C-alpha atoms as a PDB file:
ATOM      1  CA  UNK A   1      53.830 162.256  -5.268  1.00  0.00           C
ATOM      2  CA  UNK A   2      54.443 158.688  -7.796  1.00  0.00           C
ATOM      3  CA  UNK A   3      53.151 158.460 -11.207  1.00  0.00           C
ATOM      4  CA  UNK A   4      52.502 155.140 -13.136  1.00  0.00           C
ATOM      5  CA  UNK A   5      51.715 155.532 -16.355  1.00  0.00           C
ATOM      6  CA  UNK A   6      50.173 153.050 -18.526  1.00  0.00           C
ATOM      7  CA  UNK A   7      49.294 152.547 -21.805  1.00  0.00           C
ATOM      8  CA  UNK A   8      47.875 149.966 -24.792  1.00  0.00           C
ATOM      9  CA  UNK A   9      45.874 149.647 -27.817  1.00  0.00           C
ATOM     10  CA  UNK A  10      42.387 150.727 -27.421  1.00  0.00           C
ATOM     11  CA  UNK A  11      40.232 148.051 -25.228  1.00  0.00           C
ATOM     12  CA  UNK A  12      43.418 146.030 -24.515  1.00  0.00           C
ATOM     13  CA  UNK A  13      42.182 146.772 -20.245  1.00  0.00           C
ATOM     14  CA  UNK A  14      44.058 150.240 -19.235  1.00  0.00           C
ATOM     15  CA  UNK A  15      40.846 151.082 -17.321  1.00  0.00           C
ATOM     16  CA  UNK A  16      40.232 147.587 -16.284  1.00  0.00           C
ATOM     17  CA  UNK A  17      44.002 147.634 -14.951  1.00  0.00           C
ATOM     18  CA  UNK A  18      43.637 151.313 -12.694  1.00  0.00           C
ATOM     19  CA  UNK A  19      40.843 149.563 -11.209  1.00  0.00           C
ATOM     20  CA  UNK A  20      42.384 146.757  -9.755  1.00  0.00           C
ATOM     21  CA  UNK A  21      45.467 148.335  -9.328  1.00  0.00           C
ATOM     22  CA  UNK A  22      43.587 151.071  -7.233  1.00  0.00           C
ATOM     23  CA  UNK A  23      41.325 148.189  -5.136  1.00  0.00           C
ATOM     24  CA  UNK A  24      45.237 147.082  -3.811  1.00  0.00           C
ATOM     25  CA  UNK A  25      46.499 150.468  -3.210  1.00  0.00           C
ATOM     26  CA  UNK A  26      43.883 151.668  -0.973  1.00  0.00           C
ATOM     27  CA  UNK A  27      43.935 148.599   0.873  1.00  0.00           C
ATOM     28  CA  UNK A  28      47.858 149.734   1.784  1.00  0.00           C
ATOM     29  CA  UNK A  29      45.837 153.045   2.507  1.00  0.00           C
ATOM     30  CA  UNK A  30      47.156 155.149  -0.533  1.00  0.00           C
ATOM     31  CA  UNK A  31      45.117 157.542  -2.654  1.00  0.00           C
ATOM     32  CA  UNK A  32      45.289 157.104  -6.660  1.00  0.00           C
ATOM     33  CA  UNK A  33      43.712 158.520  -9.016  1.00  0.00           C
ATOM     34  CA  UNK A  34      42.918 158.413 -12.640  1.00  0.00           C
ATOM     35  CA  UNK A  35      44.222 160.829 -15.165  1.00  0.00           C
ATOM     36  CA  UNK A  36      43.901 160.164 -18.571  1.00  0.00           C
ATOM     37  CA  UNK A  37      45.130 162.866 -21.520  1.00  0.00           C
ATOM     38  CA  UNK A  38      41.707 162.212 -23.909  1.00  0.00           C
ATOM     39  CA  UNK A  39      39.505 162.681 -20.993  1.00  0.00           C
ATOM     40  CA  UNK A  40      39.408 166.738 -21.480  1.00  0.00           C
ATOM     41  CA  UNK A  41      39.313 166.311 -25.178  1.00  0.00           C
ATOM     42  CA  UNK A  42      36.263 163.834 -24.776  1.00  0.00           C
ATOM     43  CA  UNK A  43      34.709 166.582 -22.449  1.00  0.00           C
ATOM     44  CA  UNK A  44      35.262 169.101 -25.787  1.00  0.00           C
ATOM     45  CA  UNK A  45      34.066 167.062 -28.476  1.00  0.00           C
ATOM     46  CA  UNK A  46      30.549 166.028 -26.497  1.00  0.00           C
ATOM     47  CA  UNK A  47      28.535 168.115 -27.686  1.00  0.00           C
ATOM     48  CA  UNK A  48      29.929 168.193 -31.820  1.00  0.00           C
ATOM     49  CA  UNK A  49      30.027 164.221 -31.009  1.00  0.00           C
ATOM     50  CA  UNK A  50      26.103 164.694 -29.680  1.00  0.00           C
ATOM     51  CA  UNK A  51      24.913 166.367 -32.284  1.00  0.00           C
ATOM     52  CA  UNK A  52      27.218 164.756 -35.335  1.00  0.00           C
ATOM     53  CA  UNK A  53      26.872 160.887 -34.354  1.00  0.00           C
ATOM     54  CA  UNK A  54      24.418 160.885 -31.578  1.00  0.00           C
ATOM     55  CA  UNK A  55      26.632 159.268 -29.358  1.00  0.00           C
ATOM     56  CA  UNK A  56      28.543 160.813 -26.235  1.00  0.00           C
ATOM     57  CA  UNK A  57      31.951 160.077 -26.196  1.00  0.00           C
ATOM     58  CA  UNK A  58      32.565 160.460 -22.448  1.00  0.00           C
ATOM     59  CA  UNK A  59      29.916 157.553 -21.520  1.00  0.00           C
ATOM     60  CA  UNK A  60      29.642 154.695 -25.162  1.00  0.00           C
ATOM     61  CA  UNK A  61      30.662 151.106 -25.366  1.00  0.00           C
ATOM     62  CA  UNK A  62      33.324 150.249 -27.919  1.00  0.00           C
ATOM     63  CA  UNK A  63      31.207 150.125 -30.839  1.00  0.00           C
ATOM     64  CA  UNK A  64      30.121 153.471 -30.507  1.00  0.00           C
ATOM     65  CA  UNK A  65      33.792 154.766 -29.431  1.00  0.00           C
ATOM     66  CA  UNK A  66      34.705 153.070 -33.303  1.00  0.00           C
ATOM     67  CA  UNK A  67      32.114 155.305 -34.518  1.00  0.00           C
ATOM     68  CA  UNK A  68      33.769 158.745 -33.480  1.00  0.00           C
ATOM     69  CA  UNK A  69      37.200 157.767 -32.807  1.00  0.00           C
ATOM     70  CA  UNK A  70      38.511 159.587 -36.078  1.00  0.00           C
ATOM     71  CA  UNK A  71      36.768 162.725 -35.338  1.00  0.00           C
ATOM     72  CA  UNK A  72      38.202 162.580 -31.690  1.00  0.00           C
ATOM     73  CA  UNK A  73      41.629 162.509 -33.227  1.00  0.00           C
ATOM     74  CA  UNK A  74      41.300 164.580 -36.076  1.00  0.00           C
ATOM     75  CA  UNK A  75      40.187 167.459 -33.130  1.00  0.00           C
ATOM     76  CA  UNK A  76      43.144 166.655 -31.075  1.00  0.00           C
ATOM     77  CA  UNK A  77      45.341 167.061 -33.446  1.00  0.00           C
ATOM     78  CA  UNK A  78      44.328 171.115 -34.457  1.00  0.00           C
END
């Protein structure tokens, strides 16, 4: 197994980069998978974000994510 880490600012295209790489790697018989550190955090905060902001942090657009980002960061630090 090989691990490639991708980092960048919010909205910089990390997921897009992964999707493009995934296509190419699958052509070469690799089985890539995406693991994001914030995925579990967003899942844990989903109910609170829906109640407080009416936003699902797992499936939201950039503007909505900007509205819940401070809450997610605070929760992640606790």
